[in-house]
């Protein structure tokens, strides 16, 4: 009986520690400022039945001439993807379609981009999109910037 309580306590303690570390990671990502909610999908599929699949919810953070993208549901301390400002090419924007409306946040706008030859889509709020495009256009003189 005592062993069952010890095992139960250990499981509950491990779960609480995991939640604490999860929340601490989120705070450390947001601490420097310049963060926004941003879902990401790499190499979007072409057929319509896959439209809502492949989206990963995350948090993006501005860091000088790059945007660091972190998965929300992860313990990794490093960004999953880093987008360099000179290498980002905006191809277009659109509203979520079909099942994407369920996979993304309610006010999301989908931005189609290319980064170093890889197509990807970013979904963010309209306010975050305005800030992101302004950040892209505010590149130092001499940097090539392509904003649609």
N, C-alpha and C. Protein backbone atom coordinates (compact mmCIF):
# COMPACT_ATOMS: atom_id res chain seq x y z
N UNK A 1 0.82 -1.19 0.00
CA UNK A 1 0.00 0.00 0.00
C UNK A 1 0.87 1.26 0.00
N UNK A 2 1.92 1.24 0.81
CA UNK A 2 2.81 2.40 0.89
C UNK A 2 3.54 2.57 -0.44
N UNK A 3 3.91 1.49 -1.08
CA UNK A 3 4.59 1.55 -2.37
C UNK A 3 3.69 2.20 -3.42
N UNK A 4 2.39 1.90 -3.38
CA UNK A 4 1.44 2.49 -4.33
C UNK A 4 1.37 4.01 -4.13
N UNK A 5 1.37 4.46 -2.86
CA UNK A 5 1.35 5.90 -2.59
C UNK A 5 2.65 6.57 -3.06
N UNK A 6 3.77 5.91 -2.86
CA UNK A 6 5.04 6.46 -3.29
C UNK A 6 5.11 6.57 -4.82
N UNK A 7 4.65 5.54 -5.50
CA UNK A 7 4.63 5.57 -6.96
C UNK A 7 3.67 6.65 -7.46
N UNK A 8 2.50 6.73 -6.86
CA UNK A 8 1.53 7.76 -7.24
C UNK A 8 2.08 9.16 -7.01
N UNK A 9 2.73 9.35 -5.85
CA UNK A 9 3.33 10.65 -5.55
C UNK A 9 4.43 10.98 -6.55
N UNK A 10 5.26 10.01 -6.90
CA UNK A 10 6.34 10.23 -7.87
C UNK A 10 5.78 10.62 -9.23
N UNK A 11 4.70 9.99 -9.65
CA UNK A 11 4.07 10.32 -10.94
C UNK A 11 3.50 11.73 -10.91
N UNK A 12 2.82 12.08 -9.84
CA UNK A 12 2.24 13.43 -9.72
C UNK A 12 3.35 14.48 -9.67
N UNK A 13 4.42 14.21 -8.91
CA UNK A 13 5.54 15.15 -8.82
C UNK A 13 6.21 15.33 -10.18
N UNK A 14 6.40 14.25 -10.94
CA UNK A 14 7.01 14.35 -12.26
C UNK A 14 6.13 15.15 -13.21
N UNK A 15 4.81 14.95 -13.14
CA UNK A 15 3.89 15.70 -13.99
C UNK A 15 3.92 17.19 -13.65
N UNK A 16 3.93 17.52 -12.37
CA UNK A 16 3.98 18.92 -11.96
C UNK A 16 5.31 19.57 -12.36
N UNK A 17 6.40 18.83 -12.22
CA UNK A 17 7.70 19.34 -12.64
C UNK A 17 7.72 19.59 -14.14
N UNK A 18 7.14 18.67 -14.91
CA UNK A 18 7.06 18.84 -16.36
C UNK A 18 6.27 20.08 -16.75
N UNK A 19 5.14 20.31 -16.07
CA UNK A 19 4.34 21.51 -16.35
C UNK A 19 5.10 22.78 -15.97
N UNK A 20 5.82 22.74 -14.87
CA UNK A 20 6.59 23.89 -14.44
C UNK A 20 7.68 24.23 -15.47
N UNK A 21 8.41 23.22 -15.91
CA UNK A 21 9.47 23.43 -16.91
C UNK A 21 8.88 23.94 -18.22
N UNK A 22 7.71 23.41 -18.60
CA UNK A 22 7.02 23.84 -19.81
C UNK A 22 6.68 25.33 -19.73
N UNK A 23 6.11 25.76 -18.60
CA UNK A 23 5.77 27.18 -18.41
C UNK A 23 6.99 28.06 -18.33
N UNK A 24 8.05 27.58 -17.66
CA UNK A 24 9.28 28.34 -17.55
C UNK A 24 9.91 28.57 -18.92
N UNK A 25 9.89 27.56 -19.77
CA UNK A 25 10.42 27.70 -21.13
C UNK A 25 9.69 28.79 -21.89
N UNK A 26 8.37 28.79 -21.79
CA UNK A 26 7.56 29.82 -22.48
C UNK A 26 7.93 31.22 -21.98
N UNK A 27 8.11 31.36 -20.67
CA UNK A 27 8.49 32.66 -20.10
C UNK A 27 9.87 33.10 -20.59
N UNK A 28 10.81 32.17 -20.66
CA UNK A 28 12.16 32.50 -21.11
C UNK A 28 12.18 32.90 -22.59
N UNK A 29 11.33 32.28 -23.39
CA UNK A 29 11.24 32.66 -24.80
C UNK A 29 10.69 34.07 -24.94
N UNK A 30 9.67 34.40 -24.15
CA UNK A 30 9.01 35.70 -24.26
C UNK A 30 9.72 36.81 -23.51
N UNK A 31 10.68 36.47 -22.67
CA UNK A 31 11.32 37.45 -21.81
C UNK A 31 11.96 38.63 -22.57
N UNK A 32 12.74 38.39 -23.64
CA UNK A 32 13.36 39.54 -24.32
C UNK A 32 12.36 40.42 -25.07
N UNK A 33 11.12 39.97 -25.25
CA UNK A 33 10.13 40.75 -25.97
C UNK A 33 10.16 40.45 -27.46
N UNK A 34 9.28 41.08 -28.20
CA UNK A 34 9.23 40.89 -29.64
C UNK A 34 8.74 39.52 -30.05
N UNK A 35 7.80 38.95 -29.30
CA UNK A 35 7.28 37.63 -29.65
C UNK A 35 5.84 37.75 -30.15
N UNK A 36 5.44 36.79 -30.96
CA UNK A 36 4.06 36.74 -31.44
C UNK A 36 3.70 35.29 -31.74
N UNK A 37 2.41 34.96 -31.60
CA UNK A 37 1.93 33.62 -31.91
C UNK A 37 1.98 33.42 -33.42
N UNK A 38 2.53 32.29 -33.83
CA UNK A 38 2.74 32.06 -35.26
C UNK A 38 2.74 30.55 -35.53
N UNK A 39 1.76 30.09 -36.28
CA UNK A 39 1.76 28.69 -36.71
C UNK A 39 2.58 28.58 -37.98
N UNK A 40 3.17 27.41 -38.21
CA UNK A 40 4.06 27.23 -39.35
C UNK A 40 3.75 25.91 -40.04
N UNK A 41 3.82 25.93 -41.35
CA UNK A 41 3.69 24.71 -42.15
C UNK A 41 4.72 24.77 -43.26
N UNK A 42 5.60 23.78 -43.29
CA UNK A 42 6.64 23.72 -44.32
C UNK A 42 6.13 22.94 -45.51
N UNK A 43 6.50 23.38 -46.71
CA UNK A 43 6.14 22.71 -47.97
C UNK A 43 4.67 22.32 -47.98
N UNK A 44 3.76 23.29 -48.06
CA UNK A 44 2.33 22.98 -48.01
C UNK A 44 1.92 22.03 -49.14
N UNK A 45 1.06 21.07 -48.82
CA UNK A 45 0.60 20.13 -49.85
C UNK A 45 -0.26 20.82 -50.89
N UNK A 46 -0.30 20.27 -52.08
CA UNK A 46 -1.03 20.88 -53.18
C UNK A 46 -2.49 20.51 -53.24
N UNK A 47 -2.88 19.33 -52.75
CA UNK A 47 -4.28 18.95 -52.89
C UNK A 47 -5.13 19.51 -51.76
N UNK A 48 -6.40 19.75 -52.08
CA UNK A 48 -7.30 20.44 -51.16
C UNK A 48 -7.63 19.62 -49.92
N UNK A 49 -7.61 18.29 -49.99
CA UNK A 49 -7.99 17.49 -48.82
C UNK A 49 -6.93 17.54 -47.72
N UNK A 50 -5.72 17.98 -48.02
CA UNK A 50 -4.66 18.11 -47.04
C UNK A 50 -4.54 19.55 -46.52
N UNK A 51 -5.50 20.41 -46.86
CA UNK A 51 -5.37 21.85 -46.60
C UNK A 51 -5.15 22.19 -45.13
N UNK A 52 -5.81 21.52 -44.19
CA UNK A 52 -5.68 21.88 -42.79
C UNK A 52 -4.61 21.12 -42.05
N UNK A 53 -3.89 20.24 -42.73
CA UNK A 53 -2.92 19.38 -42.05
C UNK A 53 -1.51 19.94 -42.14
N UNK A 54 -0.70 19.57 -41.17
CA UNK A 54 0.70 19.96 -41.19
C UNK A 54 1.01 21.24 -40.42
N UNK A 55 0.01 21.92 -39.90
CA UNK A 55 0.25 23.15 -39.16
C UNK A 55 0.78 22.81 -37.76
N UNK A 56 1.80 23.56 -37.34
CA UNK A 56 2.36 23.39 -36.01
C UNK A 56 2.27 24.74 -35.31
N UNK A 57 1.63 24.74 -34.14
CA UNK A 57 1.45 25.97 -33.37
C UNK A 57 2.77 26.36 -32.71
N UNK A 58 3.13 27.64 -32.80
CA UNK A 58 4.39 28.07 -32.23
C UNK A 58 4.39 29.53 -31.83
N UNK A 59 5.56 29.94 -31.38
CA UNK A 59 5.81 31.32 -30.99
C UNK A 59 7.05 31.78 -31.75
N UNK A 60 6.96 32.93 -32.37
CA UNK A 60 8.10 33.48 -33.10
C UNK A 60 8.65 34.67 -32.32
N UNK A 61 9.95 34.86 -32.44
CA UNK A 61 10.62 35.95 -31.72
C UNK A 61 11.59 36.64 -32.66
N UNK A 62 11.50 37.98 -32.70
CA UNK A 62 12.46 38.76 -33.48
C UNK A 62 13.80 38.78 -32.76
N UNK A 63 14.88 38.59 -33.52
CA UNK A 63 16.23 38.66 -32.97
C UNK A 63 17.13 39.28 -34.03
N UNK A 64 17.25 40.61 -33.97
CA UNK A 64 18.03 41.39 -34.95
C UNK A 64 17.56 41.11 -36.37
N UNK A 65 18.37 40.46 -37.21
CA UNK A 65 18.03 40.22 -38.61
C UNK A 65 17.46 38.82 -38.84
N UNK A 66 16.83 38.26 -37.84
CA UNK A 66 16.23 36.94 -38.02
C UNK A 66 15.02 36.77 -37.11
N UNK A 67 14.20 35.82 -37.47
CA UNK A 67 13.05 35.45 -36.66
C UNK A 67 13.30 34.01 -36.21
N UNK A 68 13.21 33.80 -34.91
CA UNK A 68 13.37 32.46 -34.35
C UNK A 68 11.98 31.91 -34.06
N UNK A 69 11.72 30.69 -34.53
CA UNK A 69 10.41 30.07 -34.35
C UNK A 69 10.54 28.86 -33.43
N UNK A 70 9.74 28.86 -32.37
CA UNK A 70 9.74 27.80 -31.38
C UNK A 70 8.40 27.07 -31.41
N UNK A 71 8.42 25.76 -31.32
CA UNK A 71 7.18 25.00 -31.14
C UNK A 71 6.65 25.29 -29.74
N UNK A 72 5.34 25.44 -29.61
CA UNK A 72 4.76 25.69 -28.30
C UNK A 72 4.84 24.43 -27.44
N UNK A 73 4.47 23.29 -28.00
CA UNK A 73 4.41 22.05 -27.23
C UNK A 73 5.72 21.29 -27.36
N UNK A 74 6.76 21.84 -26.74
CA UNK A 74 8.09 21.24 -26.79
C UNK A 74 8.87 21.71 -25.57
N UNK A 75 9.86 20.94 -25.18
CA UNK A 75 10.76 21.34 -24.11
C UNK A 75 12.09 21.87 -24.65
N UNK A 76 12.26 21.87 -25.95
CA UNK A 76 13.53 22.28 -26.56
C UNK A 76 13.83 23.76 -26.25
N UNK A 77 15.04 24.06 -25.77
CA UNK A 77 15.36 25.45 -25.46
C UNK A 77 15.75 26.27 -26.69
N UNK A 78 16.05 25.60 -27.79
CA UNK A 78 16.47 26.30 -29.01
C UNK A 78 15.33 26.37 -30.00
N UNK A 79 15.38 27.37 -30.89
CA UNK A 79 14.31 27.47 -31.89
C UNK A 79 14.34 26.30 -32.86
N UNK A 80 13.17 25.90 -33.31
CA UNK A 80 13.06 24.80 -34.28
C UNK A 80 13.47 25.26 -35.67
N UNK A 81 13.20 26.55 -35.96
CA UNK A 81 13.53 27.09 -37.28
C UNK A 81 13.96 28.54 -37.11
N UNK A 82 14.96 28.96 -37.87
CA UNK A 82 15.44 30.33 -37.85
C UNK A 82 15.32 30.87 -39.27
N UNK A 83 14.63 32.01 -39.39
CA UNK A 83 14.41 32.64 -40.69
C UNK A 83 15.23 33.93 -40.74
N UNK A 84 16.20 33.98 -41.64
CA UNK A 84 17.02 35.17 -41.82
C UNK A 84 16.29 36.18 -42.70
N UNK A 85 16.29 37.44 -42.28
CA UNK A 85 15.55 38.48 -43.00
C UNK A 85 15.92 38.56 -44.48
N UNK A 86 17.20 38.56 -44.87
CA UNK A 86 17.51 38.69 -46.29
C UNK A 86 17.06 37.48 -47.13
N UNK A 87 16.83 36.34 -46.49
CA UNK A 87 16.48 35.13 -47.23
C UNK A 87 14.97 34.90 -47.31
N UNK A 88 14.17 35.74 -46.65
CA UNK A 88 12.72 35.57 -46.68
C UNK A 88 12.14 36.28 -47.89
N UNK A 89 11.36 35.55 -48.67
CA UNK A 89 10.67 36.14 -49.82
C UNK A 89 9.18 35.89 -49.64
N UNK A 90 8.41 36.96 -49.54
CA UNK A 90 6.97 36.84 -49.36
C UNK A 90 6.33 36.62 -50.72
N UNK A 91 5.56 35.54 -50.83
CA UNK A 91 4.92 35.19 -52.10
C UNK A 91 3.46 35.63 -52.16
N UNK A 92 2.81 35.76 -51.02
CA UNK A 92 1.42 36.18 -51.00
C UNK A 92 0.78 35.94 -49.65
N UNK A 93 -0.46 36.39 -49.54
CA UNK A 93 -1.21 36.16 -48.30
C UNK A 93 -2.64 35.79 -48.66
N UNK A 94 -3.27 35.08 -47.72
CA UNK A 94 -4.64 34.63 -47.95
C UNK A 94 -5.30 34.34 -46.61
N UNK A 95 -6.60 34.17 -46.65
CA UNK A 95 -7.36 33.76 -45.47
C UNK A 95 -7.31 32.23 -45.36
N UNK A 96 -7.42 31.69 -44.16
CA UNK A 96 -7.47 30.23 -44.01
C UNK A 96 -8.64 29.65 -44.80
N UNK A 97 -8.41 28.47 -45.39
CA UNK A 97 -9.43 27.84 -46.23
C UNK A 97 -9.83 26.49 -45.66
N UNK A 98 -11.10 26.17 -45.71
CA UNK A 98 -11.60 24.85 -45.32
C UNK A 98 -11.24 24.49 -43.90
N UNK A 99 -10.60 23.33 -43.74
CA UNK A 99 -10.28 22.84 -42.41
C UNK A 99 -9.14 23.62 -41.74
N UNK A 100 -8.48 24.49 -42.47
CA UNK A 100 -7.46 25.34 -41.85
C UNK A 100 -8.08 26.26 -40.80
N UNK A 101 -9.34 26.62 -41.00
CA UNK A 101 -10.01 27.48 -40.04
C UNK A 101 -10.08 26.83 -38.67
N UNK A 102 -10.12 25.50 -38.62
CA UNK A 102 -10.15 24.78 -37.35
C UNK A 102 -8.74 24.57 -36.80
N UNK A 103 -7.75 24.47 -37.66
CA UNK A 103 -6.38 24.18 -37.24
C UNK A 103 -5.64 25.43 -36.78
N UNK A 104 -6.10 26.60 -37.17
CA UNK A 104 -5.39 27.85 -36.86
C UNK A 104 -6.19 28.69 -35.88
N UNK A 105 -5.54 29.71 -35.33
CA UNK A 105 -6.24 30.64 -34.45
C UNK A 105 -7.33 31.36 -35.22
N UNK A 106 -8.32 31.87 -34.52
CA UNK A 106 -9.52 32.40 -35.16
C UNK A 106 -9.26 33.61 -36.06
N UNK A 107 -8.30 34.45 -35.73
CA UNK A 107 -8.07 35.66 -36.53
C UNK A 107 -6.84 35.55 -37.42
N UNK A 108 -6.44 34.34 -37.78
CA UNK A 108 -5.18 34.13 -38.50
C UNK A 108 -5.26 34.54 -39.97
N UNK A 109 -4.13 35.01 -40.46
CA UNK A 109 -3.90 35.29 -41.88
C UNK A 109 -2.73 34.41 -42.28
N UNK A 110 -2.82 33.75 -43.43
CA UNK A 110 -1.77 32.85 -43.89
C UNK A 110 -0.87 33.61 -44.85
N UNK A 111 0.43 33.59 -44.56
CA UNK A 111 1.43 34.26 -45.38
C UNK A 111 2.29 33.19 -46.04
N UNK A 112 2.28 33.15 -47.37
CA UNK A 112 3.12 32.20 -48.12
C UNK A 112 4.48 32.83 -48.33
N UNK A 113 5.53 32.07 -48.00
CA UNK A 113 6.90 32.59 -48.10
C UNK A 113 7.82 31.54 -48.70
N UNK A 114 8.98 31.99 -49.10
CA UNK A 114 10.07 31.10 -49.48
C UNK A 114 11.27 31.54 -48.65
N UNK A 115 11.98 30.57 -48.11
CA UNK A 115 13.18 30.85 -47.32
C UNK A 115 14.27 29.89 -47.74
N UNK A 116 15.28 30.43 -48.40
CA UNK A 116 16.40 29.63 -48.90
C UNK A 116 15.92 28.45 -49.75
N UNK A 117 14.97 28.72 -50.63
CA UNK A 117 14.48 27.70 -51.55
C UNK A 117 13.41 26.78 -50.98
N UNK A 118 13.06 26.92 -49.70
CA UNK A 118 12.03 26.09 -49.08
C UNK A 118 10.75 26.89 -48.96
N UNK A 119 9.67 26.35 -49.49
CA UNK A 119 8.37 27.03 -49.35
C UNK A 119 7.82 26.73 -47.97
N UNK A 120 7.25 27.75 -47.36
CA UNK A 120 6.59 27.57 -46.07
C UNK A 120 5.47 28.57 -45.94
N UNK A 121 4.59 28.27 -45.02
CA UNK A 121 3.48 29.17 -44.74
C UNK A 121 3.50 29.51 -43.27
N UNK A 122 3.25 30.77 -42.98
CA UNK A 122 3.16 31.26 -41.61
C UNK A 122 1.74 31.77 -41.39
N UNK A 123 1.14 31.41 -40.28
CA UNK A 123 -0.20 31.89 -39.95
C UNK A 123 -0.10 32.70 -38.67
N UNK A 124 -0.55 33.94 -38.73
CA UNK A 124 -0.47 34.84 -37.58
C UNK A 124 -1.64 35.80 -37.61
N UNK A 125 -1.83 36.53 -36.53
CA UNK A 125 -2.90 37.51 -36.48
C UNK A 125 -2.61 38.65 -37.45
N UNK A 126 -3.62 39.42 -37.74
CA UNK A 126 -3.46 40.55 -38.66
C UNK A 126 -2.46 41.57 -38.09
N UNK A 127 -2.52 41.82 -36.78
CA UNK A 127 -1.58 42.75 -36.16
C UNK A 127 -0.14 42.23 -36.24
N UNK A 128 0.05 40.93 -35.98
CA UNK A 128 1.38 40.34 -36.07
C UNK A 128 1.88 40.38 -37.51
N UNK A 129 0.98 40.18 -38.47
CA UNK A 129 1.37 40.25 -39.88
C UNK A 129 1.85 41.65 -40.24
N UNK A 130 1.16 42.68 -39.78
CA UNK A 130 1.58 44.05 -40.04
C UNK A 130 2.98 44.30 -39.47
N UNK A 131 3.22 43.83 -38.25
CA UNK A 131 4.53 43.98 -37.64
C UNK A 131 5.61 43.20 -38.38
N UNK A 132 5.28 41.99 -38.81
CA UNK A 132 6.24 41.15 -39.53
C UNK A 132 6.63 41.78 -40.85
N UNK A 133 5.65 42.27 -41.61
CA UNK A 133 5.95 42.91 -42.90
C UNK A 133 6.73 44.21 -42.70
N UNK A 134 6.41 44.96 -41.64
CA UNK A 134 7.16 46.18 -41.35
C UNK A 134 8.62 45.84 -40.99
N UNK A 135 8.80 44.76 -40.23
CA UNK A 135 10.15 44.31 -39.88
C UNK A 135 10.93 43.92 -41.13
N UNK A 136 10.27 43.22 -42.06
CA UNK A 136 10.93 42.84 -43.31
C UNK A 136 11.33 44.07 -44.11
N UNK A 137 10.44 45.05 -44.21
CA UNK A 137 10.72 46.24 -45.01
C UNK A 137 11.75 47.15 -44.35
N UNK A 138 11.95 47.00 -43.05
CA UNK A 138 12.88 47.87 -42.32
C UNK A 138 14.31 47.33 -42.37
N UNK A 139 14.61 46.53 -43.35
CA UNK A 139 15.96 45.97 -43.48
C UNK A 139 16.97 47.09 -43.68
N UNK A 140 18.19 46.91 -43.20
CA UNK A 140 19.22 47.93 -43.41
C UNK A 140 19.46 48.18 -44.90
N UNK A 141 19.95 49.35 -45.26
CA UNK A 141 20.21 49.65 -46.66
C UNK A 141 21.15 48.62 -47.28
N UNK A 142 20.85 48.27 -48.51
CA UNK A 142 21.69 47.32 -49.23
C UNK A 142 21.19 45.88 -49.16
N UNK A 143 20.28 45.58 -48.24
CA UNK A 143 19.75 44.22 -48.17
C UNK A 143 18.58 44.09 -49.14
N UNK A 144 18.54 42.97 -49.85
CA UNK A 144 17.44 42.70 -50.75
C UNK A 144 16.23 42.24 -49.95
N UNK A 145 15.10 42.88 -50.13
CA UNK A 145 13.88 42.50 -49.43
C UNK A 145 12.77 42.41 -50.46
N UNK A 146 12.03 41.31 -50.45
CA UNK A 146 10.93 41.10 -51.37
C UNK A 146 9.66 40.89 -50.58
N UNK A 147 8.82 41.93 -50.51
CA UNK A 147 7.57 41.87 -49.77
C UNK A 147 6.44 42.05 -50.75
N UNK A 148 5.54 41.06 -50.81
CA UNK A 148 4.41 41.13 -51.74
C UNK A 148 3.34 42.06 -51.21
